[in-house]
Protein backbone atom coordinates (compact mmCIF):
# COMPACT_ATOMS: atom_id res chain seq x y z
CA MET A 1 81.69 -10.82 65.01
CA PRO A 2 80.59 -7.45 66.06
CA LYS A 3 81.94 -4.54 64.23
CA PRO A 4 85.11 -3.02 66.32
CA MET A 5 84.03 0.03 68.30
CA LEU A 6 86.68 1.91 66.12
CA PHE A 7 84.70 1.66 62.96
CA SER A 8 81.16 2.03 64.49
CA PRO A 9 79.36 5.30 64.53
CA PHE A 10 79.31 7.67 67.57
CA GLN A 11 76.62 10.47 68.07
CA ILE A 12 77.12 13.83 69.81
CA ARG A 13 74.33 16.07 70.10
CA ASP A 14 72.61 15.53 66.54
CA THR A 15 75.91 14.84 64.65
CA VAL A 16 76.78 11.30 63.97
CA PHE A 17 80.48 10.44 63.34
CA PRO A 18 80.91 7.88 60.89
CA ASN A 19 83.37 6.12 62.82
CA ARG A 20 85.64 6.80 65.81
CA CYS A 21 88.67 7.81 63.65
CA THR A 22 89.28 11.45 63.36
CA VAL A 23 92.41 13.32 62.08
CA SER A 24 94.22 15.57 64.40
CA PRO A 25 94.78 19.12 63.23
CA MET A 26 98.20 19.45 62.02
CA CYS A 27 99.89 22.74 60.53
CA GLN A 28 101.21 22.80 57.17
CA TYR A 29 102.64 26.33 57.40
CA THR A 30 101.96 26.67 53.84
CA ALA A 31 99.40 29.28 53.68
CA GLN A 32 99.99 32.83 51.70
CA ASP A 33 98.62 35.64 54.14
CA GLY A 34 96.55 33.15 55.82
CA ILE A 35 94.89 31.85 52.43
CA ALA A 36 94.42 28.22 52.03
CA ASN A 37 95.72 26.70 48.80
CA THR A 38 95.64 23.43 46.70
CA TRP A 39 98.05 21.75 49.14
CA HIS A 40 95.78 21.95 51.94
CA LEU A 41 92.77 20.48 49.52
CA VAL A 42 95.06 17.47 48.46
CA HIS A 43 96.37 17.05 52.10
CA LEU A 44 93.00 17.03 53.80
CA GLY A 45 91.24 15.28 50.91
CA GLY A 46 93.54 12.29 51.20
CA PHE A 47 92.40 11.62 54.99
CA VAL A 48 88.64 11.51 53.63
CA ASN A 49 89.43 9.00 50.97
CA GLY A 50 91.54 7.07 53.55
CA GLY A 51 88.60 6.64 55.64
CA PHE A 52 88.66 9.04 58.38
CA GLY A 53 85.19 9.50 59.50
CA ALA A 54 85.98 13.36 60.71
CA VAL A 55 88.66 15.61 59.52
CA MET A 56 90.00 18.43 61.40
CA ILE A 57 91.40 21.56 59.69
CA GLU A 58 94.84 22.96 61.24
CA ALA A 59 95.00 25.39 63.77
CA THR A 60 93.34 28.40 62.06
CA ALA A 61 93.84 31.93 63.26
CA VAL A 62 90.98 34.14 64.08
CA LEU A 63 93.39 37.19 64.06
CA PRO A 64 96.02 37.94 61.72
CA GLU A 65 98.68 38.35 64.88
CA GLY A 66 97.41 35.13 66.10
CA ARG A 67 99.21 32.94 63.50
CA ILE A 68 102.19 30.95 64.80
CA THR A 69 104.12 31.63 61.60
CA HIS A 70 103.72 33.22 58.27
CA GLY A 71 102.60 30.11 56.76
CA ASP A 72 99.58 29.56 58.95
CA LEU A 73 95.80 29.52 57.88
CA GLY A 74 93.31 32.03 58.97
CA ILE A 75 89.64 32.68 59.08
CA TRP A 76 89.63 36.32 59.94
CA SER A 77 87.88 37.46 56.85
CA ASP A 78 85.35 36.03 54.39
CA ASP A 79 88.14 35.76 51.83
CA HIS A 80 90.01 33.33 54.06
CA ALA A 81 86.52 31.35 54.81
CA ALA A 82 85.93 31.18 51.16
CA ALA A 83 89.22 29.58 50.44
CA LEU A 84 88.37 26.93 52.73
CA LYS A 85 85.33 26.09 51.32
CA PRO A 86 86.41 23.59 48.77
CA MET A 87 88.18 21.53 51.56
CA VAL A 88 85.04 21.42 53.45
CA ASN A 89 82.72 20.45 50.66
CA PHE A 90 84.97 17.84 49.55
CA MET A 91 84.94 16.37 53.14
CA LYS A 92 81.13 16.48 53.35
CA ASP A 93 80.39 15.13 49.86
CA ASN A 94 82.67 11.96 50.17
CA GLY A 95 81.16 10.90 53.76
CA ALA A 96 83.26 12.45 56.58
CA LEU A 97 82.51 15.19 58.95
CA ALA A 98 84.52 18.53 58.33
CA GLY A 99 85.96 20.22 61.67
CA ILE A 100 87.92 23.17 62.20
CA GLN A 101 90.34 24.08 64.99
CA LEU A 102 90.34 27.83 66.03
CA GLY A 103 93.08 29.22 67.71
CA HIS A 104 95.31 32.34 68.59
CA ALA A 105 99.11 31.54 69.17
CA GLY A 106 99.55 34.49 71.80
CA ARG A 107 103.30 34.53 72.87
CA LYS A 108 104.08 31.66 70.42
CA ALA A 109 103.14 33.70 67.66
CA SER A 110 105.36 35.04 64.85
CA MET A 111 108.18 32.23 65.08
CA GLN A 112 109.86 30.28 62.51
CA ARG A 113 108.35 27.62 60.38
CA PRO A 114 109.60 24.50 61.86
CA TRP A 115 111.81 23.26 58.99
CA ARG A 116 113.55 26.71 59.19
CA GLY A 117 114.46 26.34 62.90
CA ASN A 118 111.11 26.28 65.15
CA GLY A 119 112.51 29.26 67.23
CA PRO A 120 112.48 32.93 66.81
CA LEU A 121 112.67 34.70 63.54
CA GLY A 122 116.22 35.63 62.41
CA GLU A 123 118.00 37.34 59.84
CA ALA A 124 117.73 34.36 57.24
CA ASP A 125 113.83 34.35 57.88
CA PHE A 126 113.88 38.12 57.18
CA ALA A 127 115.57 37.67 53.98
CA LEU A 128 112.99 35.56 52.74
CA GLY A 129 110.03 37.81 53.60
CA ASP A 130 109.16 36.36 57.10
CA THR A 131 109.51 39.32 59.38
CA PRO A 132 108.17 39.46 62.93
CA TRP A 133 105.06 41.44 64.09
CA PRO A 134 103.98 42.61 67.63
CA ILE A 135 102.44 39.87 69.97
CA ASN A 136 100.49 39.73 72.88
CA GLY A 137 99.76 37.21 75.76
CA ALA A 138 98.61 36.44 78.88
CA SER A 139 101.36 38.13 80.67
CA ALA A 140 104.52 40.19 79.48
CA LEU A 141 106.64 36.79 79.80
CA PRO A 142 108.48 35.59 76.46
CA VAL A 143 108.41 31.87 75.85
CA ASP A 144 112.23 31.59 76.38
CA GLU A 145 115.26 33.63 76.15
CA GLY A 146 115.70 35.24 72.72
CA TRP A 147 112.14 35.35 71.84
CA LEU A 148 109.87 38.06 71.26
CA MET A 149 108.23 39.84 74.13
CA PRO A 150 104.60 39.85 74.50
CA GLN A 151 102.75 42.85 75.45
CA GLU A 152 100.36 41.86 78.23
CA MET A 153 96.57 41.75 77.02
CA SER A 154 94.20 44.49 78.19
CA ALA A 155 90.41 44.37 78.67
CA ALA A 156 89.92 45.77 75.47
CA ASP A 157 92.15 43.06 73.81
CA ILE A 158 90.40 40.17 75.48
CA ALA A 159 87.11 41.75 74.30
CA GLU A 160 88.41 41.81 70.65
CA LEU A 161 89.62 38.31 70.90
CA THR A 162 86.27 37.04 72.20
CA GLU A 163 84.63 38.59 69.37
CA ALA A 164 87.11 37.31 67.01
CA PHE A 165 86.34 33.69 67.94
CA VAL A 166 82.82 34.20 67.75
CA THR A 167 82.92 35.69 64.42
CA ALA A 168 85.21 32.75 63.22
CA ALA A 169 82.65 30.11 64.61
CA VAL A 170 80.08 32.01 62.71
CA ARG A 171 82.25 31.70 59.58
CA ALA A 172 82.77 27.98 60.12
CA ASP A 173 79.21 27.39 60.63
CA GLU A 174 78.40 29.12 57.20
CA LEU A 175 81.20 27.03 55.72
CA GLY A 176 79.27 23.96 56.71
CA CYS A 177 81.65 22.82 59.16
CA ASP A 178 80.13 20.20 61.51
CA PHE A 179 82.22 20.60 64.55
CA VAL A 180 84.59 23.07 65.78
CA GLU A 181 87.26 22.99 68.35
CA LEU A 182 88.84 25.56 70.36
CA HIS A 183 92.59 25.39 70.75
CA GLY A 184 93.61 25.62 74.47
CA ALA A 185 96.81 23.76 74.36
CA HIS A 186 100.51 23.87 73.70
CA GLY A 187 101.26 26.87 75.23
CA TYR A 188 99.35 28.93 72.62
CA LEU A 189 97.14 31.94 74.02
CA LEU A 190 94.27 30.06 75.86
CA GLN A 191 96.85 27.79 77.58
CA SER A 192 99.17 30.56 78.53
CA PHE A 193 96.15 32.08 80.28
CA LEU A 194 95.52 28.64 82.02
CA SER A 195 99.15 27.75 83.08
CA PRO A 196 100.65 29.38 86.38
CA ALA A 197 104.10 29.20 84.53
CA SER A 198 102.82 31.82 81.74
CA ASN A 199 100.11 33.79 83.66
CA THR A 200 101.46 36.31 86.35
CA ARG A 201 98.25 38.60 85.88
CA SER A 202 96.76 40.22 88.97
CA ASP A 203 93.25 40.92 87.61
CA GLU A 204 90.31 38.68 87.14
CA TYR A 205 92.21 36.85 84.32
CA GLY A 206 94.97 35.90 86.49
CA GLY A 207 95.77 34.83 90.05
CA ASP A 208 94.14 31.57 91.21
CA ARG A 209 93.15 28.81 88.95
CA THR A 210 89.61 30.00 88.86
CA GLY A 211 90.95 33.53 87.38
CA ARG A 212 93.17 31.68 85.12
CA MET A 213 90.50 29.57 83.68
CA ARG A 214 88.30 32.58 83.09
CA LEU A 215 89.02 33.53 79.59
CA ALA A 216 88.99 29.77 78.38
CA ILE A 217 85.34 29.44 79.75
CA GLU A 218 84.30 32.75 78.63
CA LEU A 219 85.41 32.04 75.15
CA ALA A 220 83.82 28.70 75.11
CA GLU A 221 80.40 29.94 76.22
CA ALA A 222 80.70 32.81 73.73
CA VAL A 223 81.01 30.39 70.87
CA ARG A 224 78.45 27.90 72.13
CA ALA A 225 75.79 30.69 71.97
CA VAL A 226 76.33 31.11 68.34
CA TRP A 227 77.53 27.51 67.25
CA PRO A 228 74.15 25.70 66.34
CA ALA A 229 72.89 23.59 69.25
CA GLY A 230 73.08 20.40 67.08
CA LYS A 231 76.81 20.50 66.30
CA PRO A 232 79.55 19.47 68.54
CA LEU A 233 82.01 21.69 70.45
CA PHE A 234 85.62 20.57 71.32
CA PHE A 235 88.20 21.88 73.36
CA ARG A 236 91.88 20.96 73.30
CA VAL A 237 94.01 20.85 76.18
CA SER A 238 97.40 20.32 77.42
CA SER A 239 96.51 17.99 79.85
CA VAL A 240 99.64 18.75 81.85
CA ASP A 241 102.33 21.14 81.22
CA GLY A 242 105.06 18.47 82.24
CA PHE A 243 107.30 20.54 84.29
CA PRO A 244 106.94 21.49 88.05
CA GLY A 245 104.88 24.45 88.89
CA GLY A 246 102.97 24.26 85.65
CA TRP A 247 99.38 23.18 84.82
CA GLU A 248 98.62 19.79 86.23
CA LEU A 249 95.86 16.81 85.40
CA GLU A 250 93.72 17.77 88.25
CA ASP A 251 93.82 21.45 87.03
CA SER A 252 92.27 19.80 83.52
CA VAL A 253 89.72 18.14 85.39
CA VAL A 254 88.47 21.14 86.92
CA LEU A 255 88.44 22.98 83.58
CA ALA A 256 86.75 20.06 81.80
CA ARG A 257 83.84 20.41 84.23
CA GLU A 258 83.51 24.17 83.76
CA LEU A 259 83.80 23.47 80.12
CA LYS A 260 81.17 21.00 80.22
CA ALA A 261 78.69 23.13 81.98
CA VAL A 262 79.01 25.79 79.22
CA GLY A 263 78.43 23.53 76.40
CA VAL A 264 81.53 21.96 75.54
CA ASP A 265 80.93 18.27 74.45
CA VAL A 266 84.62 16.83 73.98
CA ILE A 267 88.09 17.38 75.62
CA ASP A 268 90.93 16.59 73.18
CA CYS A 269 93.49 15.53 75.45
CA SER A 270 97.24 16.49 74.44
CA SER A 271 99.85 17.64 76.60
CA GLY A 272 102.93 19.91 76.86
CA GLY A 273 103.82 22.53 74.70
CA ASN A 274 104.20 25.72 77.07
CA GLN A 275 107.91 26.11 76.70
CA GLY A 276 110.50 27.23 74.06
CA ARG A 277 111.78 25.23 71.16
CA THR A 278 109.72 22.17 70.71
CA LYS A 279 112.63 20.90 68.65
CA VAL A 280 114.58 19.95 71.69
CA ASN A 281 111.88 17.11 72.06
CA ALA A 282 112.51 15.96 68.44
CA GLY A 283 114.01 12.30 68.77
CA ARG A 284 112.90 11.65 72.14
CA THR A 285 111.33 8.20 72.83
CA LEU A 286 107.75 8.22 73.56
CA PRO A 287 105.77 4.88 74.73
CA LYS A 288 102.62 3.99 72.52
CA GLY A 289 99.50 6.01 73.62
CA TYR A 290 101.27 7.91 76.17
CA GLN A 291 98.35 10.40 76.57
CA LEU A 292 95.64 8.00 76.59
CA ASP A 293 95.74 8.02 80.34
CA TYR A 294 95.04 11.80 80.66
CA ALA A 295 92.16 11.02 78.52
CA ALA A 296 90.91 8.27 80.70
CA HIS A 297 91.17 10.24 83.86
CA ILE A 298 89.53 13.40 82.61
CA ARG A 299 86.87 11.29 80.97
CA VAL A 300 85.87 9.73 84.36
CA GLU A 301 86.55 12.50 86.86
CA ALA A 302 84.94 15.04 84.74
CA GLY A 303 82.13 12.85 83.16
CA ILE A 304 82.58 14.19 79.51
CA ALA A 305 83.75 12.67 76.30
CA THR A 306 87.18 12.77 75.46
CA GLN A 307 89.51 12.35 72.46
CA GLY A 308 92.76 10.36 72.70
CA VAL A 309 95.70 11.36 70.76
CA GLY A 310 99.61 10.59 70.57
CA MET A 311 101.41 7.65 69.38
CA ILE A 312 98.40 5.73 68.46
CA LEU A 313 99.78 3.35 65.98
CA ASP A 314 97.34 0.70 64.70
CA GLY A 315 93.71 -0.29 64.88
CA PRO A 316 93.98 -3.08 67.76
CA GLN A 317 95.65 -0.56 70.11
CA ALA A 318 93.09 2.15 69.28
CA GLU A 319 90.11 -0.48 69.75
CA GLU A 320 91.62 -1.44 73.14
CA ALA A 321 91.83 2.45 74.10
CA LEU A 322 88.05 2.46 73.28
CA GLN A 323 86.80 -0.65 74.77
CA SER A 324 88.66 0.09 78.05
CA GLY A 325 86.91 3.50 78.33
CA GLN A 326 90.12 5.43 77.95
CA ALA A 327 88.37 7.83 75.19
CA ASP A 328 85.41 8.04 72.84
CA LEU A 329 86.88 9.21 69.82
CA ILE A 330 90.60 8.48 68.28
CA ALA A 331 92.61 11.13 67.06
CA ILE A 332 95.55 10.01 64.48
CA GLY A 333 98.04 12.70 63.99
CA ARG A 334 101.41 11.92 62.30
CA GLN A 335 100.37 8.43 61.62
CA ALA A 336 98.02 9.51 59.35
CA LEU A 337 100.61 11.56 57.64
CA PHE A 338 102.85 8.38 57.26
CA ASP A 339 99.57 6.39 56.09
CA PRO A 340 96.55 8.62 54.96
CA PHE A 341 94.58 5.48 54.31
CA TRP A 342 95.34 4.35 57.97
CA VAL A 343 91.66 3.79 58.56
CA ARG A 344 91.12 1.73 55.68
CA HIS A 345 94.14 -0.49 56.15
CA GLN A 346 93.31 -1.16 59.79
CA ALA A 347 89.84 -1.85 58.78
CA TYR A 348 91.07 -4.41 56.30
CA ALA A 349 93.61 -5.94 58.48
CA MET A 350 90.84 -6.43 61.40
CA GLY A 351 88.32 -8.04 58.77
CA VAL A 352 85.87 -5.56 58.79
CA ASN A 353 85.54 -5.01 54.99
CA ASP A 354 86.50 -6.08 51.31
CA TYR A 355 86.75 -2.85 49.77
CA ASP A 356 83.05 -2.14 49.97
CA ASP A 357 83.52 1.16 52.08
CA TRP A 358 86.50 2.43 50.08
CA PRO A 359 85.80 4.97 47.23
CA GLU A 360 84.37 3.13 44.43
CA GLN A 361 87.11 4.56 41.88
CA TYR A 362 89.51 2.39 44.17
CA GLY A 363 87.38 -0.36 45.46
CA TRP A 364 86.59 -1.26 41.96
CA TRP A 365 90.06 -1.89 41.11
CA LEU A 366 91.06 -3.53 44.33
CA THR A 367 88.49 -6.02 44.42
CA ARG A 368 89.56 -7.37 41.28
CA ARG A 369 93.20 -7.45 42.46
CA GLU A 370 92.39 -9.48 45.82
CA PRO A 371 91.98 -12.95 44.38
CA SER A 372 95.77 -12.47 43.22
CA ILE A 373 96.88 -11.02 46.65
CA GLN A 374 95.15 -13.91 48.42
CA ALA A 375 96.90 -16.47 45.98
CA LEU A 376 100.47 -14.73 46.55
CA SER A 377 99.86 -15.14 50.35
CA LYS A 378 99.35 -19.01 50.39
């Protein structure tokens, strides 16, 4: 039997992904002044031990005011980069590619940590030391009623932002990261420029779709210019806003074509987020693989590799998505939190290995246990 695509290598530029399984960037809201700590090391290291071919560090702010919350990671100084170095080293030393998502929260910056409400900062947060800071965005439009009012970014602000992304990419390369992703989704700064629901500018960065795409394309081009030619560049999109009058799937296709032209290699296809409290969606029912059709459409219509994400729960489902051409890479998010060893467990269930691919510190023990497991199953 041929090895399933899910567990087979995939090459982008000069970089070979050991398998098609990546860890989606998931904020932990646990940094101190943007500095990573041992929580992040153990959190990310578990996915490496669990067999993921590539692990992406969570959304990492390129400027201090670009953090979503007080607990977000940052990479706006050499000290911040140094704190990330042990994570990157562990990934690479143990066979996984190291990635990082670079972002700026825009008008969704300076908000509550999710478990404290996931909304605007309030008195209870102030008492704990989480006080608001001034924020900026595409336009002077708050996310929702009661949220901070952003200041519309000036030309000087945009120039500073571009330089911050470029500097962050250089730091990520010096760290040893194998790929980098620009966060253009979920209502954060880049996506707020893209969507007509959040961008009412009248200058060259607003107006029609071409103007609203300008910042994303310029940033990607600037980062590509300093990012090594052999290393992949990802861009995460909200494929659709998900409400009338917002960003639509065909807009994402056009954007993907333009991003490909300036050197982006993979479109990471998410959706939604350009609205107020994300907690209103908690508990809603989502079908399996609900964003894979977006990835498939963008992949075909824009002629670019895509990464599928969202309610991908098991190996056969992921394999079907790859085999059918819906995506080239599969990103596992919350399911990886539920099972950090998802890749190895799915491989075992699909008959791919007998612990030979596990870390030897684990495989040695499990190999000797296997006869007893097989005997119990009879």
